[in-house]
Full PDB file with SEQRES, HELIX, SHEET, SSBOND, CRYST1, ORIGX, SCALE, CONECT and MASTER records, all heavy atoms in Angstrom:
SEQRES   1 A   32  GLY MET ALA GLY PRO THR TYR GLU LEU LEU LEU ASP SER          
SEQRES   2 A   32  GLY TRP THR PRO ASP SER PRO ILE GLN VAL GLU VAL VAL          
SEQRES   3 A   32  PRO GLY SER THR ALA LEU                                      
HELIX    1 AA1 ALA A    3  ASP A   12  1                                  10    
CRYST1    1.000    1.000    1.000  90.00  90.00  90.00 P 1           1          
ORIGX1      1.000000  0.000000  0.000000        0.00000                         
ORIGX2      0.000000  1.000000  0.000000        0.00000                         
ORIGX3      0.000000  0.000000  1.000000        0.00000                         
SCALE1      1.000000  0.000000  0.000000        0.00000                         
SCALE2      0.000000  1.000000  0.000000        0.00000                         
SCALE3      0.000000  0.000000  1.000000        0.00000                         
ATOM      1  N   GLY A   1      -8.351  -0.679  11.741  1.00  0.00           N  
ATOM      2  CA  GLY A   1      -9.298  -0.040  10.781  1.00  0.00           C  
ATOM      3  C   GLY A   1      -8.876  -0.292   9.381  1.00  0.00           C  
ATOM      4  O   GLY A   1      -8.035  -1.275   9.087  1.00  0.00           O  
ATOM      5  N   MET A   2      -9.569   0.485   8.446  1.00  0.00           N  
ATOM      6  CA  MET A   2      -9.304   0.176   7.020  1.00  0.00           C  
ATOM      7  C   MET A   2      -8.167   0.809   6.491  1.00  0.00           C  
ATOM      8  O   MET A   2      -7.761   0.594   5.263  1.00  0.00           O  
ATOM      9  CB  MET A   2     -10.594   0.776   6.356  1.00  0.00           C  
ATOM     10  CG  MET A   2     -11.828  -0.104   6.570  1.00  0.00           C  
ATOM     11  SD  MET A   2     -11.687  -1.900   5.983  1.00  0.00           S  
ATOM     12  CE  MET A   2     -11.198  -1.582   4.464  1.00  0.00           C  
ATOM     13  N   ALA A   3      -7.367   1.703   7.263  1.00  0.00           N  
ATOM     14  CA  ALA A   3      -6.171   2.203   6.560  1.00  0.00           C  
ATOM     15  C   ALA A   3      -5.109   1.120   6.121  1.00  0.00           C  
ATOM     16  O   ALA A   3      -4.562   1.318   5.002  1.00  0.00           O  
ATOM     17  CB  ALA A   3      -5.499   3.253   7.632  1.00  0.00           C  
ATOM     18  N   GLY A   4      -4.892   0.131   7.007  1.00  0.00           N  
ATOM     19  CA  GLY A   4      -3.959  -0.883   6.627  1.00  0.00           C  
ATOM     20  C   GLY A   4      -4.219  -1.635   5.352  1.00  0.00           C  
ATOM     21  O   GLY A   4      -3.450  -1.719   4.379  1.00  0.00           O  
ATOM     22  N   PRO A   5      -5.370  -2.207   5.207  1.00  0.00           N  
ATOM     23  CA  PRO A   5      -5.776  -3.052   4.004  1.00  0.00           C  
ATOM     24  C   PRO A   5      -5.821  -2.155   2.775  1.00  0.00           C  
ATOM     25  O   PRO A   5      -5.472  -2.584   1.711  1.00  0.00           O  
ATOM     26  CB  PRO A   5      -7.069  -3.727   4.268  1.00  0.00           C  
ATOM     27  CG  PRO A   5      -7.605  -3.061   5.627  1.00  0.00           C  
ATOM     28  CD  PRO A   5      -6.456  -2.520   6.267  1.00  0.00           C  
ATOM     29  N   THR A   6      -6.298  -0.886   2.998  1.00  0.00           N  
ATOM     30  CA  THR A   6      -6.327   0.011   1.850  1.00  0.00           C  
ATOM     31  C   THR A   6      -4.889   0.342   1.142  1.00  0.00           C  
ATOM     32  O   THR A   6      -4.597   0.216  -0.016  1.00  0.00           O  
ATOM     33  CB  THR A   6      -7.058   1.281   2.184  1.00  0.00           C  
ATOM     34  OG1 THR A   6      -8.346   0.944   2.610  1.00  0.00           O  
ATOM     35  CG2 THR A   6      -7.187   2.160   0.904  1.00  0.00           C  
ATOM     36  N   TYR A   7      -3.954   0.649   2.115  1.00  0.00           N  
ATOM     37  CA  TYR A   7      -2.556   0.866   1.691  1.00  0.00           C  
ATOM     38  C   TYR A   7      -1.935  -0.360   1.111  1.00  0.00           C  
ATOM     39  O   TYR A   7      -1.208  -0.300   0.108  1.00  0.00           O  
ATOM     40  CB  TYR A   7      -1.703   1.348   2.921  1.00  0.00           C  
ATOM     41  CG  TYR A   7      -1.703   2.839   3.112  1.00  0.00           C  
ATOM     42  CD1 TYR A   7      -2.190   3.458   4.247  1.00  0.00           C  
ATOM     43  CD2 TYR A   7      -1.422   3.686   1.998  1.00  0.00           C  
ATOM     44  CE1 TYR A   7      -2.187   4.799   4.384  1.00  0.00           C  
ATOM     45  CE2 TYR A   7      -1.363   5.137   2.163  1.00  0.00           C  
ATOM     46  CZ  TYR A   7      -1.775   5.652   3.403  1.00  0.00           C  
ATOM     47  OH  TYR A   7      -1.800   6.966   3.437  1.00  0.00           O  
ATOM     48  N   GLU A   8      -2.266  -1.536   1.738  1.00  0.00           N  
ATOM     49  CA  GLU A   8      -1.775  -2.818   1.138  1.00  0.00           C  
ATOM     50  C   GLU A   8      -2.162  -3.064  -0.387  1.00  0.00           C  
ATOM     51  O   GLU A   8      -1.359  -3.289  -1.124  1.00  0.00           O  
ATOM     52  CB  GLU A   8      -2.130  -3.920   1.963  1.00  0.00           C  
ATOM     53  CG  GLU A   8      -1.455  -4.217   3.255  1.00  0.00           C  
ATOM     54  CD  GLU A   8      -1.863  -5.428   4.005  1.00  0.00           C  
ATOM     55  OE1 GLU A   8      -1.606  -6.452   3.459  1.00  0.00           O  
ATOM     56  OE2 GLU A   8      -2.508  -5.289   5.090  1.00  0.00           O  
ATOM     57  N   LEU A   9      -3.598  -2.801  -0.556  1.00  0.00           N  
ATOM     58  CA  LEU A   9      -4.111  -2.846  -1.935  1.00  0.00           C  
ATOM     59  C   LEU A   9      -3.411  -1.867  -2.822  1.00  0.00           C  
ATOM     60  O   LEU A   9      -2.969  -2.112  -3.854  1.00  0.00           O  
ATOM     61  CB  LEU A   9      -5.578  -2.716  -1.813  1.00  0.00           C  
ATOM     62  CG  LEU A   9      -6.229  -2.561  -3.186  1.00  0.00           C  
ATOM     63  CD1 LEU A   9      -6.329  -3.754  -3.995  1.00  0.00           C  
ATOM     64  CD2 LEU A   9      -7.669  -1.917  -3.006  1.00  0.00           C  
ATOM     65  N   LEU A  10      -3.284  -0.583  -2.419  1.00  0.00           N  
ATOM     66  CA  LEU A  10      -2.822   0.447  -3.165  1.00  0.00           C  
ATOM     67  C   LEU A  10      -1.345   0.177  -3.617  1.00  0.00           C  
ATOM     68  O   LEU A  10      -1.007   0.296  -4.860  1.00  0.00           O  
ATOM     69  CB  LEU A  10      -2.844   1.907  -2.598  1.00  0.00           C  
ATOM     70  CG  LEU A  10      -4.259   2.328  -2.281  1.00  0.00           C  
ATOM     71  CD1 LEU A  10      -4.221   3.528  -1.535  1.00  0.00           C  
ATOM     72  CD2 LEU A  10      -4.936   2.799  -3.567  1.00  0.00           C  
ATOM     73  N   LEU A  11      -0.444  -0.283  -2.582  1.00  0.00           N  
ATOM     74  CA  LEU A  11       0.948  -0.518  -2.872  1.00  0.00           C  
ATOM     75  C   LEU A  11       1.071  -1.672  -3.896  1.00  0.00           C  
ATOM     76  O   LEU A  11       2.006  -1.780  -4.700  1.00  0.00           O  
ATOM     77  CB  LEU A  11       1.675  -0.589  -1.608  1.00  0.00           C  
ATOM     78  CG  LEU A  11       1.787   0.594  -0.833  1.00  0.00           C  
ATOM     79  CD1 LEU A  11       2.213   0.289   0.678  1.00  0.00           C  
ATOM     80  CD2 LEU A  11       2.618   1.696  -1.482  1.00  0.00           C  
ATOM     81  N   ASP A  12       0.184  -2.767  -3.645  1.00  0.00           N  
ATOM     82  CA  ASP A  12       0.341  -4.003  -4.495  1.00  0.00           C  
ATOM     83  C   ASP A  12      -0.161  -3.668  -5.892  1.00  0.00           C  
ATOM     84  O   ASP A  12       0.236  -4.460  -6.756  1.00  0.00           O  
ATOM     85  CB  ASP A  12      -0.513  -5.114  -3.920  1.00  0.00           C  
ATOM     86  CG  ASP A  12       0.178  -5.673  -2.591  1.00  0.00           C  
ATOM     87  OD1 ASP A  12       1.282  -5.345  -2.360  1.00  0.00           O  
ATOM     88  OD2 ASP A  12      -0.613  -6.331  -1.814  1.00  0.00           O  
ATOM     89  N   SER A  13      -0.886  -2.617  -6.020  1.00  0.00           N  
ATOM     90  CA  SER A  13      -1.515  -2.318  -7.363  1.00  0.00           C  
ATOM     91  C   SER A  13      -0.446  -1.300  -8.165  1.00  0.00           C  
ATOM     92  O   SER A  13      -0.880  -0.841  -9.257  1.00  0.00           O  
ATOM     93  CB  SER A  13      -2.877  -1.537  -7.316  1.00  0.00           C  
ATOM     94  OG  SER A  13      -3.756  -2.499  -6.673  1.00  0.00           O  
ATOM     95  N   GLY A  14       0.578  -0.843  -7.551  1.00  0.00           N  
ATOM     96  CA  GLY A  14       1.562  -0.039  -8.161  1.00  0.00           C  
ATOM     97  C   GLY A  14       1.423   1.406  -7.791  1.00  0.00           C  
ATOM     98  O   GLY A  14       2.207   2.256  -8.318  1.00  0.00           O  
ATOM     99  N   TRP A  15       0.371   1.776  -6.909  1.00  0.00           N  
ATOM    100  CA  TRP A  15       0.266   3.176  -6.399  1.00  0.00           C  
ATOM    101  C   TRP A  15       1.592   3.544  -5.625  1.00  0.00           C  
ATOM    102  O   TRP A  15       2.078   2.671  -4.874  1.00  0.00           O  
ATOM    103  CB  TRP A  15      -0.970   3.291  -5.750  1.00  0.00           C  
ATOM    104  CG  TRP A  15      -1.302   4.657  -4.992  1.00  0.00           C  
ATOM    105  CD1 TRP A  15      -1.779   5.581  -5.445  1.00  0.00           C  
ATOM    106  CD2 TRP A  15      -0.742   4.928  -3.708  1.00  0.00           C  
ATOM    107  NE1 TRP A  15      -1.918   6.645  -4.632  1.00  0.00           N  
ATOM    108  CE2 TRP A  15      -1.154   6.296  -3.505  1.00  0.00           C  
ATOM    109  CE3 TRP A  15      -0.124   4.352  -2.658  1.00  0.00           C  
ATOM    110  CZ2 TRP A  15      -0.910   6.964  -2.249  1.00  0.00           C  
ATOM    111  CZ3 TRP A  15       0.177   4.990  -1.546  1.00  0.00           C  
ATOM    112  CH2 TRP A  15      -0.174   6.294  -1.358  1.00  0.00           C  
ATOM    113  N   THR A  16       1.879   4.715  -5.652  1.00  0.00           N  
ATOM    114  CA  THR A  16       2.913   5.353  -4.761  1.00  0.00           C  
ATOM    115  C   THR A  16       2.368   6.687  -4.316  1.00  0.00           C  
ATOM    116  O   THR A  16       1.531   7.386  -4.718  1.00  0.00           O  
ATOM    117  CB  THR A  16       4.236   5.477  -5.382  1.00  0.00           C  
ATOM    118  OG1 THR A  16       4.113   6.564  -6.329  1.00  0.00           O  
ATOM    119  CG2 THR A  16       4.697   4.242  -6.124  1.00  0.00           C  
ATOM    120  N   PRO A  17       2.947   7.223  -3.211  1.00  0.00           N  
ATOM    121  CA  PRO A  17       2.591   8.585  -2.634  1.00  0.00           C  
ATOM    122  C   PRO A  17       2.685   9.614  -3.839  1.00  0.00           C  
ATOM    123  O   PRO A  17       2.172  10.652  -3.723  1.00  0.00           O  
ATOM    124  CB  PRO A  17       3.426   8.754  -1.467  1.00  0.00           C  
ATOM    125  CG  PRO A  17       3.804   7.302  -0.940  1.00  0.00           C  
ATOM    126  CD  PRO A  17       3.959   6.574  -2.225  1.00  0.00           C  
ATOM    127  N   ASP A  18       3.617   9.363  -4.841  1.00  0.00           N  
ATOM    128  CA  ASP A  18       3.685  10.369  -5.827  1.00  0.00           C  
ATOM    129  C   ASP A  18       2.680  10.139  -6.932  1.00  0.00           C  
ATOM    130  O   ASP A  18       2.653  10.905  -7.951  1.00  0.00           O  
ATOM    131  CB  ASP A  18       5.183  10.232  -6.482  1.00  0.00           C  
ATOM    132  CG  ASP A  18       6.125  10.628  -5.428  1.00  0.00           C  
ATOM    133  OD1 ASP A  18       6.022  11.355  -4.612  1.00  0.00           O  
ATOM    134  OD2 ASP A  18       7.267  10.009  -5.412  1.00  0.00           O  
ATOM    135  N   SER A  19       1.905   9.190  -6.920  1.00  0.00           N  
ATOM    136  CA  SER A  19       0.773   8.971  -7.954  1.00  0.00           C  
ATOM    137  C   SER A  19      -0.285  10.099  -8.051  1.00  0.00           C  
ATOM    138  O   SER A  19      -0.378  10.741  -6.925  1.00  0.00           O  
ATOM    139  CB  SER A  19       0.174   7.648  -7.793  1.00  0.00           C  
ATOM    140  OG  SER A  19       1.138   6.597  -7.781  1.00  0.00           O  
ATOM    141  N   PRO A  20      -0.920  10.407  -9.062  1.00  0.00           N  
ATOM    142  CA  PRO A  20      -2.012  11.329  -9.040  1.00  0.00           C  
ATOM    143  C   PRO A  20      -3.086  11.219  -7.926  1.00  0.00           C  
ATOM    144  O   PRO A  20      -3.604  12.277  -7.495  1.00  0.00           O  
ATOM    145  CB  PRO A  20      -2.547  11.242 -10.527  1.00  0.00           C  
ATOM    146  CG  PRO A  20      -1.442  10.539 -11.269  1.00  0.00           C  
ATOM    147  CD  PRO A  20      -0.700   9.616 -10.326  1.00  0.00           C  
ATOM    148  N   ILE A  21      -3.448   9.942  -7.715  1.00  0.00           N  
ATOM    149  CA  ILE A  21      -4.505   9.820  -6.723  1.00  0.00           C  
ATOM    150  C   ILE A  21      -3.818   9.990  -5.254  1.00  0.00           C  
ATOM    151  O   ILE A  21      -2.921   9.258  -4.932  1.00  0.00           O  
ATOM    152  CB  ILE A  21      -5.024   8.300  -6.706  1.00  0.00           C  
ATOM    153  CG1 ILE A  21      -5.823   8.210  -8.040  1.00  0.00           C  
ATOM    154  CG2 ILE A  21      -5.980   8.035  -5.568  1.00  0.00           C  
ATOM    155  CD1 ILE A  21      -6.205   6.762  -8.244  1.00  0.00           C  
ATOM    156  N   GLN A  22      -4.325  10.945  -4.531  1.00  0.00           N  
ATOM    157  CA  GLN A  22      -3.969  11.312  -3.244  1.00  0.00           C  
ATOM    158  C   GLN A  22      -4.641  10.598  -2.114  1.00  0.00           C  
ATOM    159  O   GLN A  22      -5.762  10.071  -2.373  1.00  0.00           O  
ATOM    160  CB  GLN A  22      -4.122  12.772  -2.951  1.00  0.00           C  
ATOM    161  CG  GLN A  22      -3.495  13.671  -3.912  1.00  0.00           C  
ATOM    162  CD  GLN A  22      -3.754  15.293  -3.641  1.00  0.00           C  
ATOM    163  OE1 GLN A  22      -4.530  15.526  -2.586  1.00  0.00           O  
ATOM    164  NE2 GLN A  22      -3.165  16.140  -4.350  1.00  0.00           N  
ATOM    165  N   VAL A  23      -4.016  10.174  -1.066  1.00  0.00           N  
ATOM    166  CA  VAL A  23      -4.584   9.487   0.017  1.00  0.00           C  
ATOM    167  C   VAL A  23      -4.161  10.282   1.266  1.00  0.00           C  
ATOM    168  O   VAL A  23      -3.081  10.626   1.568  1.00  0.00           O  
ATOM    169  CB  VAL A  23      -3.930   8.036   0.091  1.00  0.00           C  
ATOM    170  CG1 VAL A  23      -4.616   7.355   1.369  1.00  0.00           C  
ATOM    171  CG2 VAL A  23      -4.288   7.273  -1.115  1.00  0.00           C  
ATOM    172  N   GLU A  24      -5.388  10.502   2.083  1.00  0.00           N  
ATOM    173  CA  GLU A  24      -5.086  11.210   3.377  1.00  0.00           C  
ATOM    174  C   GLU A  24      -5.821  10.395   4.534  1.00  0.00           C  
ATOM    175  O   GLU A  24      -6.994  10.065   4.331  1.00  0.00           O  
ATOM    176  CB  GLU A  24      -5.801  12.505   3.232  1.00  0.00           C  
ATOM    177  CG  GLU A  24      -5.653  13.375   4.590  1.00  0.00           C  
ATOM    178  CD  GLU A  24      -6.346  14.627   4.493  1.00  0.00           C  
ATOM    179  OE1 GLU A  24      -6.526  15.173   3.534  1.00  0.00           O  
ATOM    180  OE2 GLU A  24      -6.513  15.261   5.706  1.00  0.00           O  
ATOM    181  N   VAL A  25      -4.998  10.123   5.552  1.00  0.00           N  
ATOM    182  CA  VAL A  25      -5.572   9.427   6.709  1.00  0.00           C  
ATOM    183  C   VAL A  25      -6.068  10.612   7.617  1.00  0.00           C  
ATOM    184  O   VAL A  25      -5.314  11.431   8.074  1.00  0.00           O  
ATOM    185  CB  VAL A  25      -4.571   8.582   7.261  1.00  0.00           C  
ATOM    186  CG1 VAL A  25      -5.077   7.961   8.657  1.00  0.00           C  
ATOM    187  CG2 VAL A  25      -4.048   7.475   6.335  1.00  0.00           C  
ATOM    188  N   VAL A  26      -7.335  10.414   8.116  1.00  0.00           N  
ATOM    189  CA  VAL A  26      -8.022  11.349   8.987  1.00  0.00           C  
ATOM    190  C   VAL A  26      -8.109  10.659  10.258  1.00  0.00           C  
ATOM    191  O   VAL A  26      -9.109   9.783  10.474  1.00  0.00           O  
ATOM    192  CB  VAL A  26      -9.259  11.953   8.495  1.00  0.00           C  
ATOM    193  CG1 VAL A  26      -9.897  12.887   9.470  1.00  0.00           C  
ATOM    194  CG2 VAL A  26      -9.140  12.515   7.061  1.00  0.00           C  
ATOM    195  N   PRO A  27      -7.317  10.870  11.305  1.00  0.00           N  
ATOM    196  CA  PRO A  27      -7.330  10.066  12.580  1.00  0.00           C  
ATOM    197  C   PRO A  27      -8.659  10.378  13.373  1.00  0.00           C  
ATOM    198  O   PRO A  27      -9.174  11.498  13.229  1.00  0.00           O  
ATOM    199  CB  PRO A  27      -6.033  10.486  13.267  1.00  0.00           C  
ATOM    200  CG  PRO A  27      -5.817  11.858  12.828  1.00  0.00           C  
ATOM    201  CD  PRO A  27      -6.220  11.896  11.404  1.00  0.00           C  
ATOM    202  N   GLY A  28      -8.952   9.401  14.230  1.00  0.00           N  
ATOM    203  CA  GLY A  28     -10.114   9.673  15.149  1.00  0.00           C  
ATOM    204  C   GLY A  28      -9.957   9.067  16.472  1.00  0.00           C  
ATOM    205  O   GLY A  28      -8.884   8.479  16.729  1.00  0.00           O  
ATOM    206  N   SER A  29     -10.796   9.170  17.352  1.00  0.00           N  
ATOM    207  CA  SER A  29     -10.639   8.782  18.785  1.00  0.00           C  
ATOM    208  C   SER A  29     -10.831   7.327  18.694  1.00  0.00           C  
ATOM    209  O   SER A  29     -11.815   6.852  18.264  1.00  0.00           O  
ATOM    210  CB  SER A  29     -11.581   9.370  19.593  1.00  0.00           C  
ATOM    211  OG  SER A  29     -11.512   8.834  21.015  1.00  0.00           O  
ATOM    212  N   THR A  30      -9.837   6.594  19.268  1.00  0.00           N  
ATOM    213  CA  THR A  30      -9.908   5.136  19.246  1.00  0.00           C  
ATOM    214  C   THR A  30     -10.901   4.567  20.291  1.00  0.00           C  
ATOM    215  O   THR A  30     -11.242   5.266  21.158  1.00  0.00           O  
ATOM    216  CB  THR A  30      -8.509   4.479  19.504  1.00  0.00           C  
ATOM    217  OG1 THR A  30      -8.232   4.774  20.985  1.00  0.00           O  
ATOM    218  CG2 THR A  30      -7.368   4.953  18.756  1.00  0.00           C  
ATOM    219  N   ALA A  31     -11.406   3.404  19.937  1.00  0.00           N  
ATOM    220  CA  ALA A  31     -12.262   2.769  20.940  1.00  0.00           C  
ATOM    221  C   ALA A  31     -11.598   2.547  22.393  1.00  0.00           C  
ATOM    222  O   ALA A  31     -12.333   2.921  23.358  1.00  0.00           O  
ATOM    223  CB  ALA A  31     -12.630   1.312  20.507  1.00  0.00           C  
ATOM    224  N   LEU A  32     -10.276   2.275  22.448  1.00  0.00           N  
ATOM    225  CA  LEU A  32      -9.759   2.144  23.824  1.00  0.00           C  
ATOM    226  C   LEU A  32      -9.752   3.465  24.533  1.00  0.00           C  
ATOM    227  O   LEU A  32      -9.966   3.658  25.667  1.00  0.00           O  
ATOM    228  CB  LEU A  32      -8.430   1.501  23.724  1.00  0.00           C  
ATOM    229  CG  LEU A  32      -7.248   2.093  22.950  1.00  0.00           C  
ATOM    230  CD1 LEU A  32      -6.402   2.981  23.803  1.00  0.00           C  
ATOM    231  CD2 LEU A  32      -6.333   1.073  22.476  1.00  0.00           C  
TER     232      LEU A  32                                                      
MASTER        0    0    0    1    0    0    0    6  231    1    0    3          
END                                                                             
C-alpha cells in the first residue's frame, strides 16, 4: 500500500517523526 512510498517521500524531504506534521498509520484487513 501507500505507507511505504509516503514514508520514503517524507524522509527524503527532511521530515522526521519529531517534525510538526504528524503521521499515523491506520492498519486494515489485508487482501490475503
